[in-house]
Amino acid sequence: MANTNTITTTRTEIVCPPSVNETAIISLLKIPLGAHLDLFQLLDNCQHHVDALIENDDNTECMALCGRLYAALEMLKFALKAPLPAHLIECLTVNVAEPDNYRGPLSTDSETMREYCAALTMLLLQHQPSPEQKEHITGLLFELVNVLVEDLKAPRFVSTDAGLVMISGEAVPGIH
């Protein structure tokens, strides 16, 4: 039995610091989403969340990542309809067009691809697939988000003496 004057501590808890991956996920989940984000920032956000999701086996973290990914995909819906800001138009403009170099692997439009990604995310959020199905759905979601990001960040415009034209050669009446 210990005296009252003893320096023995009572049952200290061993606290392990979070792993690097846990810290990265926590940081990722704390990044604010909002209307202040432009199209490219939302795409980067989606890509970071799906990258973390594909590497994660913890159900709680997967659900949090899916929730944030779904929120970012929903915000992307509005960003796709909004006019492009000048700094993004500049990023999407090239001086010489090579149309075959910018074609996406799928002929699906961006909004439909976004809806596919949102549907797969919602399926994961419902937490009903078997572990094997979850792995396949997560892999497909990863691939589709990356295709969407690559497609939306691919050059769209060519700078000419007459102004901007689409890479396909069409005139640009109102830029979006």
N, C-alpha and C. Protein backbone atom coordinates (compact mmCIF):
# COMPACT_ATOMS: atom_id res chain seq x y z
N MET A 1 0.85 -1.17 0.00
CA MET A 1 0.00 0.00 0.00
C MET A 1 0.89 1.23 0.00
N ALA A 2 0.55 2.21 -0.82
CA ALA A 2 1.36 3.41 -0.97
C ALA A 2 0.98 4.45 0.08
N ASN A 3 2.00 5.22 0.54
CA ASN A 3 1.76 6.33 1.47
C ASN A 3 1.20 7.52 0.73
N THR A 4 0.76 8.46 1.47
CA THR A 4 0.29 9.70 0.86
C THR A 4 1.45 10.53 0.36
N ASN A 5 2.65 10.28 0.83
CA ASN A 5 3.82 11.05 0.42
C ASN A 5 4.58 10.41 -0.75
N THR A 6 4.07 9.37 -1.32
CA THR A 6 4.76 8.67 -2.39
C THR A 6 4.70 9.45 -3.70
N ILE A 7 5.64 9.20 -4.55
CA ILE A 7 5.66 9.86 -5.87
C ILE A 7 5.14 8.93 -6.96
N THR A 8 4.60 7.81 -6.57
CA THR A 8 4.05 6.86 -7.52
C THR A 8 2.78 7.46 -8.13
N THR A 9 2.71 7.43 -9.45
CA THR A 9 1.51 7.94 -10.11
C THR A 9 0.50 6.82 -10.27
N THR A 10 -0.72 7.19 -10.35
CA THR A 10 -1.76 6.18 -10.51
C THR A 10 -2.06 6.00 -11.98
N ARG A 11 -1.84 4.88 -12.47
CA ARG A 11 -2.22 4.41 -13.80
C ARG A 11 -2.17 5.47 -14.90
N THR A 12 -1.03 5.71 -15.42
CA THR A 12 -0.91 6.66 -16.52
C THR A 12 -1.34 5.99 -17.81
N GLU A 13 -1.96 6.74 -18.64
CA GLU A 13 -2.40 6.22 -19.94
C GLU A 13 -1.28 6.42 -20.95
N ILE A 14 -1.07 5.43 -21.74
CA ILE A 14 -0.08 5.55 -22.81
C ILE A 14 -0.80 6.11 -24.02
N VAL A 15 -0.32 7.24 -24.46
CA VAL A 15 -0.94 7.90 -25.60
C VAL A 15 0.01 7.82 -26.77
N CYS A 16 -0.45 7.20 -27.83
CA CYS A 16 0.35 7.09 -29.04
C CYS A 16 0.02 8.25 -29.95
N PRO A 17 1.03 8.89 -30.51
CA PRO A 17 0.73 9.97 -31.44
C PRO A 17 0.04 9.40 -32.68
N PRO A 18 -0.82 10.20 -33.30
CA PRO A 18 -1.49 9.70 -34.51
C PRO A 18 -0.47 9.43 -35.61
N SER A 19 -0.78 8.47 -36.45
CA SER A 19 0.11 8.17 -37.57
C SER A 19 0.07 9.31 -38.57
N VAL A 20 1.05 9.34 -39.44
CA VAL A 20 1.10 10.38 -40.46
C VAL A 20 -0.17 10.36 -41.29
N ASN A 21 -0.65 9.16 -41.65
CA ASN A 21 -1.85 9.04 -42.47
C ASN A 21 -3.07 9.59 -41.73
N GLU A 22 -3.19 9.30 -40.43
CA GLU A 22 -4.32 9.81 -39.65
C GLU A 22 -4.28 11.32 -39.61
N THR A 23 -3.08 11.89 -39.39
CA THR A 23 -2.95 13.34 -39.33
C THR A 23 -3.33 13.96 -40.68
N ALA A 24 -2.92 13.34 -41.77
CA ALA A 24 -3.25 13.86 -43.10
C ALA A 24 -4.75 13.82 -43.33
N ILE A 25 -5.41 12.76 -42.91
CA ILE A 25 -6.85 12.66 -43.10
C ILE A 25 -7.58 13.69 -42.26
N ILE A 26 -7.14 13.86 -41.01
CA ILE A 26 -7.77 14.87 -40.16
C ILE A 26 -7.60 16.25 -40.77
N SER A 27 -6.41 16.55 -41.26
CA SER A 27 -6.17 17.84 -41.92
C SER A 27 -7.05 18.00 -43.15
N LEU A 28 -7.16 16.95 -43.92
CA LEU A 28 -7.99 16.97 -45.13
C LEU A 28 -9.45 17.23 -44.79
N LEU A 29 -9.93 16.60 -43.74
CA LEU A 29 -11.33 16.76 -43.35
C LEU A 29 -11.62 18.15 -42.78
N LYS A 30 -10.58 18.86 -42.36
CA LYS A 30 -10.76 20.20 -41.80
C LYS A 30 -10.73 21.30 -42.85
N ILE A 31 -10.36 20.97 -44.08
CA ILE A 31 -10.31 21.98 -45.14
C ILE A 31 -11.72 22.47 -45.40
N PRO A 32 -11.93 23.77 -45.31
CA PRO A 32 -13.29 24.28 -45.49
C PRO A 32 -13.76 24.19 -46.94
N LEU A 33 -14.99 23.80 -47.11
CA LEU A 33 -15.63 23.81 -48.42
C LEU A 33 -16.57 25.01 -48.44
N GLY A 34 -16.68 25.64 -49.57
CA GLY A 34 -17.59 26.78 -49.65
C GLY A 34 -17.64 27.35 -51.05
N ALA A 35 -18.48 28.35 -51.19
CA ALA A 35 -18.69 28.98 -52.49
C ALA A 35 -17.46 29.75 -52.94
N HIS A 36 -16.51 29.98 -52.05
CA HIS A 36 -15.30 30.71 -52.40
C HIS A 36 -14.34 29.88 -53.26
N LEU A 37 -14.56 28.59 -53.37
CA LEU A 37 -13.67 27.72 -54.14
C LEU A 37 -14.02 27.78 -55.63
N ASP A 38 -12.99 27.85 -56.47
CA ASP A 38 -13.24 27.84 -57.91
C ASP A 38 -13.26 26.39 -58.40
N LEU A 39 -13.51 26.22 -59.67
CA LEU A 39 -13.63 24.89 -60.27
C LEU A 39 -12.40 24.03 -60.00
N PHE A 40 -11.21 24.56 -60.22
CA PHE A 40 -9.99 23.77 -60.05
C PHE A 40 -9.77 23.41 -58.58
N GLN A 41 -10.08 24.33 -57.67
CA GLN A 41 -9.94 24.03 -56.24
C GLN A 41 -10.89 22.91 -55.82
N LEU A 42 -12.11 22.93 -56.34
CA LEU A 42 -13.05 21.86 -56.04
C LEU A 42 -12.58 20.53 -56.62
N LEU A 43 -12.06 20.57 -57.83
CA LEU A 43 -11.53 19.34 -58.44
C LEU A 43 -10.36 18.79 -57.63
N ASP A 44 -9.47 19.67 -57.19
CA ASP A 44 -8.35 19.23 -56.35
C ASP A 44 -8.86 18.62 -55.05
N ASN A 45 -9.88 19.26 -54.48
CA ASN A 45 -10.47 18.76 -53.24
C ASN A 45 -11.04 17.36 -53.45
N CYS A 46 -11.78 17.17 -54.53
CA CYS A 46 -12.34 15.85 -54.84
C CYS A 46 -11.22 14.82 -55.00
N GLN A 47 -10.18 15.21 -55.69
CA GLN A 47 -9.08 14.29 -55.94
C GLN A 47 -8.36 13.92 -54.64
N HIS A 48 -8.14 14.88 -53.76
CA HIS A 48 -7.49 14.59 -52.48
C HIS A 48 -8.34 13.63 -51.63
N HIS A 49 -9.66 13.86 -51.62
CA HIS A 49 -10.53 12.99 -50.83
C HIS A 49 -10.58 11.57 -51.39
N VAL A 50 -10.66 11.43 -52.69
CA VAL A 50 -10.72 10.08 -53.26
C VAL A 50 -9.37 9.39 -53.15
N ASP A 51 -8.27 10.14 -53.19
CA ASP A 51 -6.95 9.56 -52.98
C ASP A 51 -6.84 8.98 -51.57
N ALA A 52 -7.32 9.74 -50.59
CA ALA A 52 -7.28 9.27 -49.20
C ALA A 52 -8.23 8.09 -49.01
N LEU A 53 -9.36 8.14 -49.68
CA LEU A 53 -10.37 7.08 -49.56
C LEU A 53 -9.85 5.74 -50.08
N ILE A 54 -9.16 5.76 -51.19
CA ILE A 54 -8.68 4.53 -51.81
C ILE A 54 -7.62 3.85 -50.93
N GLU A 55 -6.92 4.62 -50.11
CA GLU A 55 -5.86 4.08 -49.26
C GLU A 55 -6.32 3.77 -47.84
N ASN A 56 -7.61 3.95 -47.54
CA ASN A 56 -8.08 3.86 -46.16
C ASN A 56 -8.96 2.64 -45.94
N ASP A 57 -8.76 1.97 -44.80
CA ASP A 57 -9.57 0.81 -44.44
C ASP A 57 -10.46 1.06 -43.23
N ASP A 58 -10.27 2.20 -42.56
CA ASP A 58 -11.04 2.51 -41.37
C ASP A 58 -12.44 2.99 -41.77
N ASN A 59 -13.49 2.28 -41.32
CA ASN A 59 -14.86 2.60 -41.73
C ASN A 59 -15.28 4.01 -41.36
N THR A 60 -14.92 4.47 -40.17
CA THR A 60 -15.31 5.81 -39.73
C THR A 60 -14.66 6.87 -40.62
N GLU A 61 -13.38 6.71 -40.87
CA GLU A 61 -12.68 7.67 -41.72
C GLU A 61 -13.20 7.61 -43.16
N CYS A 62 -13.50 6.41 -43.64
CA CYS A 62 -14.06 6.27 -44.99
C CYS A 62 -15.39 7.00 -45.11
N MET A 63 -16.22 6.86 -44.09
CA MET A 63 -17.52 7.55 -44.12
C MET A 63 -17.33 9.06 -44.11
N ALA A 64 -16.38 9.55 -43.31
CA ALA A 64 -16.11 10.99 -43.26
C ALA A 64 -15.57 11.47 -44.61
N LEU A 65 -14.66 10.71 -45.19
CA LEU A 65 -14.11 11.07 -46.50
C LEU A 65 -15.19 11.06 -47.58
N CYS A 66 -16.06 10.05 -47.55
CA CYS A 66 -17.16 9.97 -48.52
C CYS A 66 -18.10 11.15 -48.36
N GLY A 67 -18.39 11.51 -47.13
CA GLY A 67 -19.28 12.66 -46.89
C GLY A 67 -18.70 13.94 -47.44
N ARG A 68 -17.41 14.15 -47.21
CA ARG A 68 -16.75 15.36 -47.73
C ARG A 68 -16.64 15.31 -49.26
N LEU A 69 -16.35 14.14 -49.80
CA LEU A 69 -16.29 13.99 -51.26
C LEU A 69 -17.64 14.29 -51.87
N TYR A 70 -18.69 13.77 -51.26
CA TYR A 70 -20.03 14.01 -51.78
C TYR A 70 -20.36 15.51 -51.74
N ALA A 71 -20.00 16.16 -50.64
CA ALA A 71 -20.25 17.61 -50.53
C ALA A 71 -19.48 18.37 -51.62
N ALA A 72 -18.24 17.99 -51.86
CA ALA A 72 -17.45 18.65 -52.90
C ALA A 72 -18.05 18.39 -54.28
N LEU A 73 -18.53 17.18 -54.52
CA LEU A 73 -19.16 16.87 -55.81
C LEU A 73 -20.45 17.67 -56.00
N GLU A 74 -21.19 17.88 -54.92
CA GLU A 74 -22.41 18.68 -55.02
C GLU A 74 -22.06 20.15 -55.31
N MET A 75 -21.01 20.66 -54.70
CA MET A 75 -20.57 22.02 -54.99
C MET A 75 -20.06 22.13 -56.42
N LEU A 76 -19.46 21.06 -56.90
CA LEU A 76 -18.96 21.03 -58.28
C LEU A 76 -20.10 21.19 -59.27
N LYS A 77 -21.28 20.70 -58.91
CA LYS A 77 -22.45 20.85 -59.78
C LYS A 77 -22.68 22.33 -60.12
N PHE A 78 -22.56 23.18 -59.12
CA PHE A 78 -22.78 24.61 -59.34
C PHE A 78 -21.59 25.27 -60.02
N ALA A 79 -20.40 24.81 -59.72
CA ALA A 79 -19.20 25.37 -60.36
C ALA A 79 -19.19 25.07 -61.86
N LEU A 80 -19.75 23.91 -62.25
CA LEU A 80 -19.80 23.57 -63.67
C LEU A 80 -20.76 24.47 -64.44
N LYS A 81 -21.74 25.03 -63.75
CA LYS A 81 -22.72 25.91 -64.40
C LYS A 81 -22.29 27.37 -64.38
N ALA A 82 -21.36 27.72 -63.51
CA ALA A 82 -20.93 29.11 -63.36
C ALA A 82 -19.94 29.48 -64.46
N PRO A 83 -19.90 30.76 -64.82
CA PRO A 83 -18.90 31.20 -65.80
C PRO A 83 -17.49 30.99 -65.25
N LEU A 84 -16.58 30.70 -66.14
CA LEU A 84 -15.19 30.51 -65.72
C LEU A 84 -14.54 31.84 -65.40
N PRO A 85 -13.83 31.93 -64.28
CA PRO A 85 -13.09 33.15 -64.00
C PRO A 85 -11.90 33.29 -64.95
N ALA A 86 -11.41 34.50 -65.10
CA ALA A 86 -10.33 34.79 -66.05
C ALA A 86 -9.09 33.94 -65.79
N HIS A 87 -8.72 33.72 -64.54
CA HIS A 87 -7.50 32.97 -64.25
C HIS A 87 -7.63 31.50 -64.69
N LEU A 88 -8.84 30.94 -64.68
CA LEU A 88 -9.03 29.57 -65.16
C LEU A 88 -9.05 29.53 -66.68
N ILE A 89 -9.62 30.54 -67.30
CA ILE A 89 -9.61 30.61 -68.76
C ILE A 89 -8.17 30.64 -69.25
N GLU A 90 -7.34 31.39 -68.55
CA GLU A 90 -5.92 31.46 -68.90
C GLU A 90 -5.25 30.09 -68.76
N CYS A 91 -5.61 29.36 -67.70
CA CYS A 91 -5.04 28.02 -67.49
C CYS A 91 -5.50 27.02 -68.56
N LEU A 92 -6.68 27.25 -69.11
CA LEU A 92 -7.26 26.33 -70.09
C LEU A 92 -6.98 26.74 -71.53
N THR A 93 -6.12 27.74 -71.71
CA THR A 93 -5.82 28.27 -73.04
C THR A 93 -4.41 27.89 -73.47
N VAL A 94 -4.30 27.46 -74.72
CA VAL A 94 -3.00 27.14 -75.30
C VAL A 94 -2.80 28.01 -76.53
N ASN A 95 -1.56 28.08 -77.01
CA ASN A 95 -1.26 28.88 -78.20
C ASN A 95 -1.41 28.09 -79.48
N VAL A 96 -1.17 26.77 -79.40
CA VAL A 96 -1.28 25.91 -80.57
C VAL A 96 -2.18 24.74 -80.22
N ALA A 97 -3.17 24.51 -81.06
CA ALA A 97 -4.13 23.44 -80.79
C ALA A 97 -3.66 22.11 -81.36
N GLU A 98 -3.76 21.10 -80.54
CA GLU A 98 -3.55 19.72 -80.97
C GLU A 98 -4.74 18.94 -80.44
N PRO A 99 -5.88 18.99 -81.15
CA PRO A 99 -7.14 18.44 -80.63
C PRO A 99 -7.07 16.99 -80.16
N ASP A 100 -6.31 16.16 -80.82
CA ASP A 100 -6.26 14.75 -80.43
C ASP A 100 -5.58 14.53 -79.09
N ASN A 101 -4.73 15.47 -78.67
CA ASN A 101 -4.02 15.33 -77.40
C ASN A 101 -4.89 15.63 -76.19
N TYR A 102 -6.05 16.25 -76.38
CA TYR A 102 -6.86 16.68 -75.25
C TYR A 102 -8.16 15.91 -75.12
N ARG A 103 -8.37 14.92 -75.94
CA ARG A 103 -9.62 14.16 -75.89
C ARG A 103 -9.64 13.24 -74.69
N GLY A 104 -10.74 13.29 -73.95
CA GLY A 104 -10.89 12.42 -72.79
C GLY A 104 -11.19 11.01 -73.23
N PRO A 105 -10.94 10.03 -72.35
CA PRO A 105 -11.17 8.63 -72.72
C PRO A 105 -12.65 8.28 -72.82
N LEU A 106 -13.52 9.07 -72.22
CA LEU A 106 -14.96 8.81 -72.28
C LEU A 106 -15.66 9.96 -72.99
N SER A 107 -16.72 9.65 -73.66
CA SER A 107 -17.45 10.70 -74.38
C SER A 107 -18.53 11.33 -73.51
N THR A 108 -18.59 10.97 -72.25
CA THR A 108 -19.61 11.49 -71.34
C THR A 108 -19.28 12.92 -70.95
N ASP A 109 -20.32 13.76 -70.87
CA ASP A 109 -20.10 15.16 -70.50
C ASP A 109 -19.75 15.25 -69.01
N SER A 110 -19.24 16.38 -68.61
CA SER A 110 -18.74 16.58 -67.24
C SER A 110 -19.82 16.43 -66.19
N GLU A 111 -21.00 16.95 -66.45
CA GLU A 111 -22.07 16.86 -65.46
C GLU A 111 -22.52 15.42 -65.25
N THR A 112 -22.61 14.65 -66.31
CA THR A 112 -22.99 13.25 -66.18
C THR A 112 -21.90 12.49 -65.42
N MET A 113 -20.64 12.77 -65.71
CA MET A 113 -19.53 12.12 -64.99
C MET A 113 -19.57 12.50 -63.51
N ARG A 114 -19.88 13.75 -63.21
CA ARG A 114 -20.01 14.19 -61.82
C ARG A 114 -21.13 13.44 -61.13
N GLU A 115 -22.25 13.24 -61.84
CA GLU A 115 -23.38 12.50 -61.27
C GLU A 115 -23.01 11.04 -61.01
N TYR A 116 -22.23 10.43 -61.89
CA TYR A 116 -21.77 9.06 -61.68
C TYR A 116 -20.93 8.99 -60.40
N CYS A 117 -20.02 9.95 -60.25
CA CYS A 117 -19.16 9.98 -59.06
C CYS A 117 -19.99 10.17 -57.79
N ALA A 118 -20.97 11.06 -57.86
CA ALA A 118 -21.83 11.31 -56.70
C ALA A 118 -22.64 10.06 -56.35
N ALA A 119 -23.14 9.35 -57.37
CA ALA A 119 -23.92 8.13 -57.13
C ALA A 119 -23.06 7.05 -56.47
N LEU A 120 -21.83 6.88 -56.94
CA LEU A 120 -20.94 5.89 -56.34
C LEU A 120 -20.59 6.28 -54.90
N THR A 121 -20.38 7.57 -54.66
CA THR A 121 -20.09 8.04 -53.31
C THR A 121 -21.27 7.77 -52.39
N MET A 122 -22.47 8.04 -52.87
CA MET A 122 -23.67 7.80 -52.07
C MET A 122 -23.83 6.31 -51.78
N LEU A 123 -23.50 5.48 -52.74
CA LEU A 123 -23.55 4.04 -52.54
C LEU A 123 -22.61 3.61 -51.41
N LEU A 124 -21.42 4.20 -51.39
CA LEU A 124 -20.47 3.90 -50.31
C LEU A 124 -20.98 4.42 -48.97
N LEU A 125 -21.63 5.57 -48.98
CA LEU A 125 -22.17 6.15 -47.75
C LEU A 125 -23.29 5.30 -47.15
N GLN A 126 -24.00 4.59 -47.99
CA GLN A 126 -25.10 3.75 -47.49
C GLN A 126 -24.57 2.53 -46.76
N HIS A 127 -23.30 2.24 -46.91
CA HIS A 127 -22.60 1.20 -46.16
C HIS A 127 -23.24 -0.18 -46.30
N GLN A 128 -23.74 -0.49 -47.51
CA GLN A 128 -24.37 -1.79 -47.74
C GLN A 128 -23.56 -2.76 -48.57
N PRO A 129 -22.61 -2.30 -49.38
CA PRO A 129 -21.87 -3.27 -50.20
C PRO A 129 -20.99 -4.19 -49.34
N SER A 130 -20.74 -5.36 -49.86
CA SER A 130 -19.81 -6.28 -49.21
C SER A 130 -18.41 -5.67 -49.28
N PRO A 131 -17.47 -6.15 -48.48
CA PRO A 131 -16.10 -5.61 -48.53
C PRO A 131 -15.49 -5.68 -49.94
N GLU A 132 -15.76 -6.76 -50.65
CA GLU A 132 -15.23 -6.88 -52.01
C GLU A 132 -15.88 -5.86 -52.94
N GLN A 133 -17.20 -5.71 -52.84
CA GLN A 133 -17.90 -4.72 -53.66
C GLN A 133 -17.44 -3.31 -53.31
N LYS A 134 -17.25 -3.05 -52.02
CA LYS A 134 -16.79 -1.73 -51.58
C LYS A 134 -15.45 -1.40 -52.21
N GLU A 135 -14.57 -2.40 -52.26
CA GLU A 135 -13.25 -2.20 -52.87
C GLU A 135 -13.39 -1.86 -54.36
N HIS A 136 -14.27 -2.56 -55.06
CA HIS A 136 -14.47 -2.30 -56.49
C HIS A 136 -15.13 -0.94 -56.71
N ILE A 137 -16.11 -0.61 -55.90
CA ILE A 137 -16.81 0.68 -56.04
C ILE A 137 -15.84 1.83 -55.76
N THR A 138 -15.02 1.66 -54.72
CA THR A 138 -14.04 2.70 -54.39
C THR A 138 -13.03 2.85 -55.52
N GLY A 139 -12.58 1.75 -56.09
CA GLY A 139 -11.65 1.81 -57.22
C GLY A 139 -12.26 2.49 -58.43
N LEU A 140 -13.52 2.16 -58.73
CA LEU A 140 -14.21 2.80 -59.85
C LEU A 140 -14.39 4.30 -59.59
N LEU A 141 -14.76 4.64 -58.37
CA LEU A 141 -14.92 6.05 -58.00
C LEU A 141 -13.60 6.79 -58.16
N PHE A 142 -12.52 6.19 -57.72
CA PHE A 142 -11.18 6.77 -57.86
C PHE A 142 -10.88 7.05 -59.34
N GLU A 143 -11.13 6.05 -60.18
CA GLU A 143 -10.86 6.21 -61.62
C GLU A 143 -11.72 7.31 -62.24
N LEU A 144 -13.01 7.31 -61.93
CA LEU A 144 -13.92 8.30 -62.52
C LEU A 144 -13.61 9.72 -62.06
N VAL A 145 -13.28 9.90 -60.78
CA VAL A 145 -12.92 11.24 -60.31
C VAL A 145 -11.67 11.72 -61.03
N ASN A 146 -10.69 10.84 -61.19
CA ASN A 146 -9.47 11.24 -61.89
C ASN A 146 -9.71 11.54 -63.36
N VAL A 147 -10.59 10.79 -64.01
CA VAL A 147 -10.94 11.09 -65.41
C VAL A 147 -11.64 12.45 -65.48
N LEU A 148 -12.55 12.70 -64.55
CA LEU A 148 -13.26 13.99 -64.51
C LEU A 148 -12.28 15.14 -64.32
N VAL A 149 -11.35 14.99 -63.38
CA VAL A 149 -10.37 16.04 -63.12
C VAL A 149 -9.50 16.27 -64.36
N GLU A 150 -8.98 15.21 -64.94
CA GLU A 150 -8.14 15.35 -66.14
C GLU A 150 -8.90 16.03 -67.28
N ASP A 151 -10.17 15.64 -67.47
CA ASP A 151 -10.96 16.21 -68.54
C ASP A 151 -11.22 17.70 -68.31
N LEU A 152 -11.61 18.05 -67.09
CA LEU A 152 -11.94 19.45 -66.82
C LEU A 152 -10.72 20.37 -66.76
N LYS A 153 -9.55 19.79 -66.51
CA LYS A 153 -8.33 20.61 -66.48
C LYS A 153 -7.59 20.60 -67.82
N ALA A 154 -8.11 19.86 -68.79
CA ALA A 154 -7.48 19.82 -70.12
C ALA A 154 -7.75 21.14 -70.84
N PRO A 155 -6.80 21.59 -71.64
CA PRO A 155 -7.01 22.84 -72.40
C PRO A 155 -8.28 22.79 -73.24
N ARG A 156 -8.96 23.92 -73.28
CA ARG A 156 -10.22 24.05 -74.01
C ARG A 156 -10.14 25.10 -75.13
N PHE A 157 -9.27 26.08 -74.92
CA PHE A 157 -9.24 27.24 -75.80
C PHE A 157 -7.89 27.41 -76.47
N VAL A 158 -7.94 28.06 -77.63
CA VAL A 158 -6.73 28.42 -78.36
C VAL A 158 -6.76 29.93 -78.53
N SER A 159 -5.65 30.53 -78.22
CA SER A 159 -5.52 31.97 -78.38
C SER A 159 -5.14 32.26 -79.83
N THR A 160 -5.96 33.05 -80.51
CA THR A 160 -5.69 33.44 -81.91
C THR A 160 -5.69 34.96 -82.00
N ASP A 161 -5.34 35.46 -83.17
CA ASP A 161 -5.36 36.91 -83.39
C ASP A 161 -6.79 37.45 -83.26
N ALA A 162 -7.77 36.61 -83.59
CA ALA A 162 -9.17 37.04 -83.52
C ALA A 162 -9.76 36.86 -82.12
N GLY A 163 -9.00 36.31 -81.21
CA GLY A 163 -9.49 36.06 -79.85
C GLY A 163 -9.46 34.58 -79.53
N LEU A 164 -10.21 34.19 -78.52
CA LEU A 164 -10.24 32.79 -78.12
C LEU A 164 -11.20 31.99 -78.99
N VAL A 165 -10.76 30.80 -79.36
CA VAL A 165 -11.64 29.84 -80.03
C VAL A 165 -11.48 28.50 -79.31
N MET A 166 -12.48 27.67 -79.42
CA MET A 166 -12.40 26.33 -78.83
C MET A 166 -11.34 25.53 -79.59
N ILE A 167 -10.74 24.59 -78.94
CA ILE A 167 -9.73 23.75 -79.59
C ILE A 167 -10.32 23.05 -80.81
N SER A 168 -11.61 22.73 -80.74
CA SER A 168 -12.27 22.07 -81.86
C SER A 168 -12.47 23.02 -83.05
N GLY A 169 -12.20 24.31 -82.86
CA GLY A 169 -12.31 25.27 -83.94
C GLY A 169 -13.53 26.18 -83.85
N GLU A 170 -14.46 25.88 -82.94
CA GLU A 170 -15.65 26.70 -82.81
C GLU A 170 -15.31 28.05 -82.18
N ALA A 171 -16.06 29.06 -82.57
CA ALA A 171 -15.92 30.37 -81.95
C ALA A 171 -16.45 30.29 -80.52
N VAL A 172 -15.95 31.15 -79.67
CA VAL A 172 -16.39 31.17 -78.27
C VAL A 172 -17.28 32.38 -78.06
N PRO A 173 -18.63 32.20 -78.13
CA PRO A 173 -19.52 33.33 -77.96
C PRO A 173 -19.52 33.85 -76.53
N GLY A 174 -19.72 33.01 -75.57
CA GLY A 174 -19.69 33.36 -74.15
C GLY A 174 -18.89 32.29 -73.46
N ILE A 175 -17.86 32.68 -72.78
CA ILE A 175 -16.96 31.69 -72.23
C ILE A 175 -17.55 31.07 -70.99
N HIS A 176 -17.52 29.77 -70.97
CA HIS A 176 -17.87 28.98 -69.78
C HIS A 176 -16.94 27.81 -69.69
